[in-house]
Amino acid sequence: AIDGKYKDSLKIWISTSDSLLISFRMVDYFKVDGPAG
């Protein structure tokens, strides 16, 4: 991700049943590191 003032982050989810969003459970949430490239 771009580093600095931006808070670009990812949530990581896992489902054991199907790919419907309601089936997922969040397992992590983190700010992605930079710098650009």
ModelCIF file with pLDDT and N, C-alpha, C, O atoms, coordinates in Angstrom:
data_MODEL
#
_entry.id   MODEL 
#
_entity.id                         1 
_entity.type                       polymer 
_entity.pdbx_number_of_molecules   1 
#
_entity_poly.entity_id                      1 
_entity_poly.type                           'polypeptide(L)' 
_entity_poly.nstd_linkage                   no 
_entity_poly.nstd_monomer                   no 
_entity_poly.pdbx_seq_one_letter_code       AIDGKYKDSLKIWISTSDSLLISFRMVDYFKVDGPAG 
_entity_poly.pdbx_seq_one_letter_code_can   AIDGKYKDSLKIWISTSDSLLISFRMVDYFKVDGPAG 
_entity_poly.pdbx_strand_id                 A 
#
loop_
_entity_poly_seq.entity_id 
_entity_poly_seq.num 
_entity_poly_seq.mon_id 
_entity_poly_seq.hetero 
1 1  ALA n 
1 2  ILE n 
1 3  ASP n 
1 4  GLY n 
1 5  LYS n 
1 6  TYR n 
1 7  LYS n 
1 8  ASP n 
1 9  SER n 
1 10 LEU n 
1 11 LYS n 
1 12 ILE n 
1 13 TRP n 
1 14 ILE n 
1 15 SER n 
1 16 THR n 
1 17 SER n 
1 18 ASP n 
1 19 SER n 
1 20 LEU n 
1 21 LEU n 
1 22 ILE n 
1 23 SER n 
1 24 PHE n 
1 25 ARG n 
1 26 MET n 
1 27 VAL n 
1 28 ASP n 
1 29 TYR n 
1 30 PHE n 
1 31 LYS n 
1 32 VAL n 
1 33 ASP n 
1 34 GLY n 
1 35 PRO n 
1 36 ALA n 
1 37 GLY n 
#
_struct_asym.id          A 
_struct_asym.entity_id   1 
#
loop_
_ma_qa_metric.id 
_ma_qa_metric.mode 
_ma_qa_metric.name 
_ma_qa_metric.software_group_id 
_ma_qa_metric.type 
1 global pLDDT . pLDDT 
2 local  pLDDT . pLDDT 
#
_ma_qa_metric_global.metric_id      1 
_ma_qa_metric_global.metric_value   91.62 
_ma_qa_metric_global.model_id       1 
_ma_qa_metric_global.ordinal_id     1 
#
loop_
_ma_qa_metric_local.label_asym_id 
_ma_qa_metric_local.label_comp_id 
_ma_qa_metric_local.label_seq_id 
_ma_qa_metric_local.metric_id 
_ma_qa_metric_local.metric_value 
_ma_qa_metric_local.model_id 
_ma_qa_metric_local.ordinal_id 
A ALA 1  2 90.00 1 1  
A ILE 2  2 83.00 1 2  
A ASP 3  2 75.00 1 3  
A GLY 4  2 69.00 1 4  
A LYS 5  2 74.00 1 5  
A TYR 6  2 79.00 1 6  
A LYS 7  2 83.00 1 7  
A ASP 8  2 86.00 1 8  
A SER 9  2 88.00 1 9  
A LEU 10 2 95.00 1 10 
A LYS 11 2 97.00 1 11 
A ILE 12 2 98.00 1 12 
A TRP 13 2 98.00 1 13 
A ILE 14 2 98.00 1 14 
A SER 15 2 98.00 1 15 
A THR 16 2 98.00 1 16 
A SER 17 2 97.00 1 17 
A ASP 18 2 97.00 1 18 
A SER 19 2 96.00 1 19 
A LEU 20 2 97.00 1 20 
A LEU 21 2 97.00 1 21 
A ILE 22 2 97.00 1 22 
A SER 23 2 98.00 1 23 
A PHE 24 2 98.00 1 24 
A ARG 25 2 98.00 1 25 
A MET 26 2 98.00 1 26 
A VAL 27 2 97.00 1 27 
A ASP 28 2 97.00 1 28 
A TYR 29 2 96.00 1 29 
A PHE 30 2 94.00 1 30 
A LYS 31 2 92.00 1 31 
A VAL 32 2 93.00 1 32 
A ASP 33 2 89.00 1 33 
A GLY 34 2 88.00 1 34 
A PRO 35 2 88.00 1 35 
A ALA 36 2 86.00 1 36 
A GLY 37 2 88.00 1 37 
#
loop_
_atom_site.group_PDB 
_atom_site.id 
_atom_site.type_symbol 
_atom_site.label_atom_id 
_atom_site.label_alt_id 
_atom_site.label_comp_id 
_atom_site.label_asym_id 
_atom_site.label_entity_id 
_atom_site.label_seq_id 
_atom_site.pdbx_PDB_ins_code 
_atom_site.Cartn_x 
_atom_site.Cartn_y 
_atom_site.Cartn_z 
_atom_site.occupancy 
_atom_site.B_iso_or_equiv 
_atom_site.pdbx_formal_charge 
_atom_site.auth_seq_id 
_atom_site.auth_comp_id 
_atom_site.auth_asym_id 
_atom_site.auth_atom_id 
_atom_site.pdbx_PDB_model_num 
ATOM 1   N N  . ALA A 1 1  ? 0.846   -1.198  0.000  1.00 90.00 ? 1  ALA A N  1 
ATOM 2   C CA . ALA A 1 1  ? 0.000   0.000   0.000  1.00 90.00 ? 1  ALA A CA 1 
ATOM 3   C C  . ALA A 1 1  ? 0.874   1.239   0.000  1.00 90.00 ? 1  ALA A C  1 
ATOM 4   O O  . ALA A 1 1  ? 2.095   1.161   0.138  1.00 90.00 ? 1  ALA A O  1 
ATOM 5   N N  . ILE A 1 2  ? 0.222   2.387   -0.158 1.00 83.00 ? 2  ILE A N  1 
ATOM 6   C CA . ILE A 1 2  ? 0.915   3.663   -0.030 1.00 83.00 ? 2  ILE A CA 1 
ATOM 7   C C  . ILE A 1 2  ? 1.148   3.900   1.460  1.00 83.00 ? 2  ILE A C  1 
ATOM 8   O O  . ILE A 1 2  ? 0.233   3.714   2.262  1.00 83.00 ? 2  ILE A O  1 
ATOM 9   N N  . ASP A 1 3  ? 2.334   4.300   1.832  1.00 75.00 ? 3  ASP A N  1 
ATOM 10  C CA . ASP A 1 3  ? 2.626   4.574   3.240  1.00 75.00 ? 3  ASP A CA 1 
ATOM 11  C C  . ASP A 1 3  ? 2.312   6.032   3.551  1.00 75.00 ? 3  ASP A C  1 
ATOM 12  O O  . ASP A 1 3  ? 2.059   6.827   2.646  1.00 75.00 ? 3  ASP A O  1 
ATOM 13  N N  . GLY A 1 4  ? 2.331   6.370   4.816  1.00 69.00 ? 4  GLY A N  1 
ATOM 14  C CA . GLY A 1 4  ? 2.138   7.762   5.200  1.00 69.00 ? 4  GLY A CA 1 
ATOM 15  C C  . GLY A 1 4  ? 0.778   8.010   5.799  1.00 69.00 ? 4  GLY A C  1 
ATOM 16  O O  . GLY A 1 4  ? 0.340   7.276   6.685  1.00 69.00 ? 4  GLY A O  1 
ATOM 17  N N  . LYS A 1 5  ? 0.102   9.047   5.318  1.00 74.00 ? 5  LYS A N  1 
ATOM 18  C CA . LYS A 1 5  ? -1.135  9.492   5.944  1.00 74.00 ? 5  LYS A CA 1 
ATOM 19  C C  . LYS A 1 5  ? -2.330  8.577   5.698  1.00 74.00 ? 5  LYS A C  1 
ATOM 20  O O  . LYS A 1 5  ? -3.332  8.684   6.406  1.00 74.00 ? 5  LYS A O  1 
ATOM 21  N N  . TYR A 1 6  ? -2.255  7.692   4.729  1.00 79.00 ? 6  TYR A N  1 
ATOM 22  C CA . TYR A 1 6  ? -3.399  6.850   4.394  1.00 79.00 ? 6  TYR A CA 1 
ATOM 23  C C  . TYR A 1 6  ? -3.505  5.648   5.324  1.00 79.00 ? 6  TYR A C  1 
ATOM 24  O O  . TYR A 1 6  ? -2.494  5.095   5.757  1.00 79.00 ? 6  TYR A O  1 
ATOM 25  N N  . LYS A 1 7  ? -4.725  5.254   5.623  1.00 83.00 ? 7  LYS A N  1 
ATOM 26  C CA . LYS A 1 7  ? -4.982  4.159   6.558  1.00 83.00 ? 7  LYS A CA 1 
ATOM 27  C C  . LYS A 1 7  ? -5.357  2.879   5.827  1.00 83.00 ? 7  LYS A C  1 
ATOM 28  O O  . LYS A 1 7  ? -6.081  2.053   6.383  1.00 83.00 ? 7  LYS A O  1 
ATOM 29  N N  . ASP A 1 8  ? -4.889  2.688   4.603  1.00 86.00 ? 8  ASP A N  1 
ATOM 30  C CA . ASP A 1 8  ? -5.266  1.526   3.805  1.00 86.00 ? 8  ASP A CA 1 
ATOM 31  C C  . ASP A 1 8  ? -5.046  0.235   4.588  1.00 86.00 ? 8  ASP A C  1 
ATOM 32  O O  . ASP A 1 8  ? -3.924  -0.075  4.991  1.00 86.00 ? 8  ASP A O  1 
ATOM 33  N N  . SER A 1 9  ? -6.117  -0.507  4.798  1.00 88.00 ? 9  SER A N  1 
ATOM 34  C CA . SER A 1 9  ? -6.032  -1.714  5.597  1.00 88.00 ? 9  SER A CA 1 
ATOM 35  C C  . SER A 1 9  ? -6.904  -2.815  5.012  1.00 88.00 ? 9  SER A C  1 
ATOM 36  O O  . SER A 1 9  ? -7.778  -2.569  4.181  1.00 88.00 ? 9  SER A O  1 
ATOM 37  N N  . LEU A 1 10 ? -6.646  -4.028  5.466  1.00 95.00 ? 10 LEU A N  1 
ATOM 38  C CA . LEU A 1 10 ? -7.386  -5.203  5.022  1.00 95.00 ? 10 LEU A CA 1 
ATOM 39  C C  . LEU A 1 10 ? -8.016  -5.907  6.213  1.00 95.00 ? 10 LEU A C  1 
ATOM 40  O O  . LEU A 1 10 ? -7.434  -5.981  7.296  1.00 95.00 ? 10 LEU A O  1 
ATOM 41  N N  . LYS A 1 11 ? -9.203  -6.416  5.991  1.00 97.00 ? 11 LYS A N  1 
ATOM 42  C CA . LYS A 1 11 ? -9.827  -7.338  6.934  1.00 97.00 ? 11 LYS A CA 1 
ATOM 43  C C  . LYS A 1 11 ? -9.724  -8.721  6.296  1.00 97.00 ? 11 LYS A C  1 
ATOM 44  O O  . LYS A 1 11 ? -9.980  -8.883  5.102  1.00 97.00 ? 11 LYS A O  1 
ATOM 45  N N  . ILE A 1 12 ? -9.351  -9.708  7.093  1.00 98.00 ? 12 ILE A N  1 
ATOM 46  C CA . ILE A 1 12 ? -9.222  -11.081 6.631  1.00 98.00 ? 12 ILE A CA 1 
ATOM 47  C C  . ILE A 1 12 ? -10.375 -11.883 7.228  1.00 98.00 ? 12 ILE A C  1 
ATOM 48  O O  . ILE A 1 12 ? -10.606 -11.863 8.437  1.00 98.00 ? 12 ILE A O  1 
ATOM 49  N N  . TRP A 1 13 ? -11.092 -12.585 6.358  1.00 98.00 ? 13 TRP A N  1 
ATOM 50  C CA . TRP A 1 13 ? -12.273 -13.350 6.756  1.00 98.00 ? 13 TRP A CA 1 
ATOM 51  C C  . TRP A 1 13 ? -12.149 -14.788 6.268  1.00 98.00 ? 13 TRP A C  1 
ATOM 52  O O  . TRP A 1 13 ? -11.508 -15.046 5.249  1.00 98.00 ? 13 TRP A O  1 
ATOM 53  N N  . ILE A 1 14 ? -12.762 -15.727 6.993  1.00 98.00 ? 14 ILE A N  1 
ATOM 54  C CA . ILE A 1 14 ? -12.797 -17.133 6.580  1.00 98.00 ? 14 ILE A CA 1 
ATOM 55  C C  . ILE A 1 14 ? -14.219 -17.659 6.743  1.00 98.00 ? 14 ILE A C  1 
ATOM 56  O O  . ILE A 1 14 ? -14.896 -17.374 7.731  1.00 98.00 ? 14 ILE A O  1 
ATOM 57  N N  . SER A 1 15 ? -14.655 -18.435 5.747  1.00 98.00 ? 15 SER A N  1 
ATOM 58  C CA . SER A 1 15 ? -15.944 -19.117 5.802  1.00 98.00 ? 15 SER A CA 1 
ATOM 59  C C  . SER A 1 15 ? -15.704 -20.611 5.644  1.00 98.00 ? 15 SER A C  1 
ATOM 60  O O  . SER A 1 15 ? -14.878 -21.030 4.833  1.00 98.00 ? 15 SER A O  1 
ATOM 61  N N  . THR A 1 16 ? -16.421 -21.407 6.414  1.00 98.00 ? 16 THR A N  1 
ATOM 62  C CA . THR A 1 16 ? -16.321 -22.861 6.291  1.00 98.00 ? 16 THR A CA 1 
ATOM 63  C C  . THR A 1 16 ? -17.545 -23.455 5.595  1.00 98.00 ? 16 THR A C  1 
ATOM 64  O O  . THR A 1 16 ? -17.699 -24.675 5.530  1.00 98.00 ? 16 THR A O  1 
ATOM 65  N N  . SER A 1 17 ? -18.416 -22.582 5.073  1.00 97.00 ? 17 SER A N  1 
ATOM 66  C CA . SER A 1 17 ? -19.622 -23.109 4.436  1.00 97.00 ? 17 SER A CA 1 
ATOM 67  C C  . SER A 1 17 ? -19.751 -22.711 2.968  1.00 97.00 ? 17 SER A C  1 
ATOM 68  O O  . SER A 1 17 ? -19.876 -23.578 2.103  1.00 97.00 ? 17 SER A O  1 
ATOM 69  N N  . ASP A 1 18 ? -19.721 -21.417 2.679  1.00 97.00 ? 18 ASP A N  1 
ATOM 70  C CA . ASP A 1 18 ? -19.917 -20.955 1.305  1.00 97.00 ? 18 ASP A CA 1 
ATOM 71  C C  . ASP A 1 18 ? -19.287 -19.573 1.146  1.00 97.00 ? 18 ASP A C  1 
ATOM 72  O O  . ASP A 1 18 ? -18.646 -19.066 2.067  1.00 97.00 ? 18 ASP A O  1 
ATOM 73  N N  . SER A 1 19 ? -19.472 -18.969 -0.025 1.00 96.00 ? 19 SER A N  1 
ATOM 74  C CA . SER A 1 19 ? -18.839 -17.669 -0.288 1.00 96.00 ? 19 SER A CA 1 
ATOM 75  C C  . SER A 1 19 ? -19.806 -16.492 -0.107 1.00 96.00 ? 19 SER A C  1 
ATOM 76  O O  . SER A 1 19 ? -19.523 -15.389 -0.575 1.00 96.00 ? 19 SER A O  1 
ATOM 77  N N  . LEU A 1 20 ? -20.933 -16.713 0.560  1.00 97.00 ? 20 LEU A N  1 
ATOM 78  C CA . LEU A 1 20 ? -21.845 -15.612 0.868  1.00 97.00 ? 20 LEU A CA 1 
ATOM 79  C C  . LEU A 1 20 ? -21.255 -14.774 2.001  1.00 97.00 ? 20 LEU A C  1 
ATOM 80  O O  . LEU A 1 20 ? -20.757 -15.330 2.980  1.00 97.00 ? 20 LEU A O  1 
ATOM 81  N N  . LEU A 1 21 ? -21.302 -13.449 1.883  1.00 97.00 ? 21 LEU A N  1 
ATOM 82  C CA . LEU A 1 21 ? -20.663 -12.581 2.873  1.00 97.00 ? 21 LEU A CA 1 
ATOM 83  C C  . LEU A 1 21 ? -21.139 -12.851 4.295  1.00 97.00 ? 21 LEU A C  1 
ATOM 84  O O  . LEU A 1 21 ? -20.353 -12.741 5.236  1.00 97.00 ? 21 LEU A O  1 
ATOM 85  N N  . ILE A 1 22 ? -22.392 -13.198 4.465  1.00 97.00 ? 22 ILE A N  1 
ATOM 86  C CA . ILE A 1 22 ? -22.943 -13.455 5.798  1.00 97.00 ? 22 ILE A CA 1 
ATOM 87  C C  . ILE A 1 22 ? -22.297 -14.669 6.468  1.00 97.00 ? 22 ILE A C  1 
ATOM 88  O O  . ILE A 1 22 ? -22.383 -14.814 7.688  1.00 97.00 ? 22 ILE A O  1 
ATOM 89  N N  . SER A 1 23 ? -21.655 -15.538 5.694  1.00 98.00 ? 23 SER A N  1 
ATOM 90  C CA . SER A 1 23 ? -21.059 -16.772 6.218  1.00 98.00 ? 23 SER A CA 1 
ATOM 91  C C  . SER A 1 23 ? -19.643 -16.583 6.753  1.00 98.00 ? 23 SER A C  1 
ATOM 92  O O  . SER A 1 23 ? -19.096 -17.492 7.378  1.00 98.00 ? 23 SER A O  1 
ATOM 93  N N  . PHE A 1 24 ? -19.048 -15.429 6.521  1.00 98.00 ? 24 PHE A N  1 
ATOM 94  C CA . PHE A 1 24 ? -17.648 -15.217 6.893  1.00 98.00 ? 24 PHE A CA 1 
ATOM 95  C C  . PHE A 1 24 ? -17.492 -14.734 8.339  1.00 98.00 ? 24 PHE A C  1 
ATOM 96  O O  . PHE A 1 24 ? -18.348 -14.035 8.884  1.00 98.00 ? 24 PHE A O  1 
ATOM 97  N N  . ARG A 1 25 ? -16.362 -15.136 8.938  1.00 98.00 ? 25 ARG A N  1 
ATOM 98  C CA . ARG A 1 25 ? -15.972 -14.678 10.275 1.00 98.00 ? 25 ARG A CA 1 
ATOM 99  C C  . ARG A 1 25 ? -14.624 -13.965 10.139 1.00 98.00 ? 25 ARG A C  1 
ATOM 100 O O  . ARG A 1 25 ? -13.695 -14.497 9.532  1.00 98.00 ? 25 ARG A O  1 
ATOM 101 N N  . MET A 1 26 ? -14.521 -12.749 10.709 1.00 98.00 ? 26 MET A N  1 
ATOM 102 C CA . MET A 1 26 ? -13.275 -11.990 10.603 1.00 98.00 ? 26 MET A CA 1 
ATOM 103 C C  . MET A 1 26 ? -12.205 -12.601 11.517 1.00 98.00 ? 26 MET A C  1 
ATOM 104 O O  . MET A 1 26 ? -12.459 -12.893 12.686 1.00 98.00 ? 26 MET A O  1 
ATOM 105 N N  . VAL A 1 27 ? -10.990 -12.788 10.953 1.00 97.00 ? 27 VAL A N  1 
ATOM 106 C CA . VAL A 1 27 ? -9.887  -13.357 11.726 1.00 97.00 ? 27 VAL A CA 1 
ATOM 107 C C  . VAL A 1 27 ? -8.722  -12.382 11.910 1.00 97.00 ? 27 VAL A C  1 
ATOM 108 O O  . VAL A 1 27 ? -7.838  -12.630 12.731 1.00 97.00 ? 27 VAL A O  1 
ATOM 109 N N  . ASP A 1 28 ? -8.709  -11.290 11.166 1.00 97.00 ? 28 ASP A N  1 
ATOM 110 C CA . ASP A 1 28 ? -7.629  -10.305 11.316 1.00 97.00 ? 28 ASP A CA 1 
ATOM 111 C C  . ASP A 1 28 ? -8.038  -8.992  10.662 1.00 97.00 ? 28 ASP A C  1 
ATOM 112 O O  . ASP A 1 28 ? -8.915  -8.948  9.800  1.00 97.00 ? 28 ASP A O  1 
ATOM 113 N N  . TYR A 1 29 ? -7.376  -7.924  11.097 1.00 96.00 ? 29 TYR A N  1 
ATOM 114 C CA . TYR A 1 29 ? -7.594  -6.583  10.553 1.00 96.00 ? 29 TYR A CA 1 
ATOM 115 C C  . TYR A 1 29 ? -6.281  -5.836  10.736 1.00 96.00 ? 29 TYR A C  1 
ATOM 116 O O  . TYR A 1 29 ? -5.838  -5.651  11.870 1.00 96.00 ? 29 TYR A O  1 
ATOM 117 N N  . PHE A 1 30 ? -5.649  -5.403  9.652  1.00 94.00 ? 30 PHE A N  1 
ATOM 118 C CA . PHE A 1 30 ? -4.342  -4.754  9.777  1.00 94.00 ? 30 PHE A CA 1 
ATOM 119 C C  . PHE A 1 30 ? -4.137  -3.686  8.706  1.00 94.00 ? 30 PHE A C  1 
ATOM 120 O O  . PHE A 1 30 ? -4.710  -3.749  7.618  1.00 94.00 ? 30 PHE A O  1 
ATOM 121 N N  . LYS A 1 31 ? -3.290  -2.693  9.050  1.00 92.00 ? 31 LYS A N  1 
ATOM 122 C CA . LYS A 1 31 ? -2.885  -1.662  8.090  1.00 92.00 ? 31 LYS A CA 1 
ATOM 123 C C  . LYS A 1 31 ? -1.779  -2.260  7.226  1.00 92.00 ? 31 LYS A C  1 
ATOM 124 O O  . LYS A 1 31 ? -0.810  -2.816  7.742  1.00 92.00 ? 31 LYS A O  1 
ATOM 125 N N  . VAL A 1 32 ? -1.927  -2.145  5.936  1.00 93.00 ? 32 VAL A N  1 
ATOM 126 C CA . VAL A 1 32 ? -0.956  -2.704  5.000  1.00 93.00 ? 32 VAL A CA 1 
ATOM 127 C C  . VAL A 1 32 ? 0.223   -1.745  4.866  1.00 93.00 ? 32 VAL A C  1 
ATOM 128 O O  . VAL A 1 32 ? 0.041   -0.533  4.759  1.00 93.00 ? 32 VAL A O  1 
ATOM 129 N N  . ASP A 1 33 ? 1.432   -2.302  4.874  1.00 89.00 ? 33 ASP A N  1 
ATOM 130 C CA . ASP A 1 33 ? 2.651   -1.504  4.807  1.00 89.00 ? 33 ASP A CA 1 
ATOM 131 C C  . ASP A 1 33 ? 2.949   -1.022  3.395  1.00 89.00 ? 33 ASP A C  1 
ATOM 132 O O  . ASP A 1 33 ? 2.488   -1.607  2.416  1.00 89.00 ? 33 ASP A O  1 
ATOM 133 N N  . GLY A 1 34 ? 3.717   0.037   3.305  1.00 88.00 ? 34 GLY A N  1 
ATOM 134 C CA . GLY A 1 34 ? 4.233   0.578   2.061  1.00 88.00 ? 34 GLY A CA 1 
ATOM 135 C C  . GLY A 1 34 ? 5.731   0.407   2.057  1.00 88.00 ? 34 GLY A C  1 
ATOM 136 O O  . GLY A 1 34 ? 6.250   -0.470  2.747  1.00 88.00 ? 34 GLY A O  1 
ATOM 137 N N  . PRO A 1 35 ? 6.438   1.218   1.300  1.00 88.00 ? 35 PRO A N  1 
ATOM 138 C CA . PRO A 1 35 ? 5.994   2.322   0.464  1.00 88.00 ? 35 PRO A CA 1 
ATOM 139 C C  . PRO A 1 35 ? 5.491   1.840   -0.900 1.00 88.00 ? 35 PRO A C  1 
ATOM 140 O O  . PRO A 1 35 ? 5.485   0.644   -1.193 1.00 88.00 ? 35 PRO A O  1 
ATOM 141 N N  . ALA A 1 36 ? 5.076   2.787   -1.708 1.00 86.00 ? 36 ALA A N  1 
ATOM 142 C CA . ALA A 1 36 ? 4.562   2.492   -3.043 1.00 86.00 ? 36 ALA A CA 1 
ATOM 143 C C  . ALA A 1 36 ? 5.546   1.619   -3.809 1.00 86.00 ? 36 ALA A C  1 
ATOM 144 O O  . ALA A 1 36 ? 6.751   1.867   -3.801 1.00 86.00 ? 36 ALA A O  1 
ATOM 145 N N  . GLY A 1 37 ? 5.022   0.604   -4.463 1.00 88.00 ? 37 GLY A N  1 
ATOM 146 C CA . GLY A 1 37 ? 5.848   -0.259  -5.299 1.00 88.00 ? 37 GLY A CA 1 
ATOM 147 C C  . GLY A 1 37 ? 6.441   -1.457  -4.592 1.00 88.00 ? 37 GLY A C  1 
ATOM 148 O O  . GLY A 1 37 ? 7.154   -2.248  -5.211 1.00 88.00 ? 37 GLY A O  1 
#
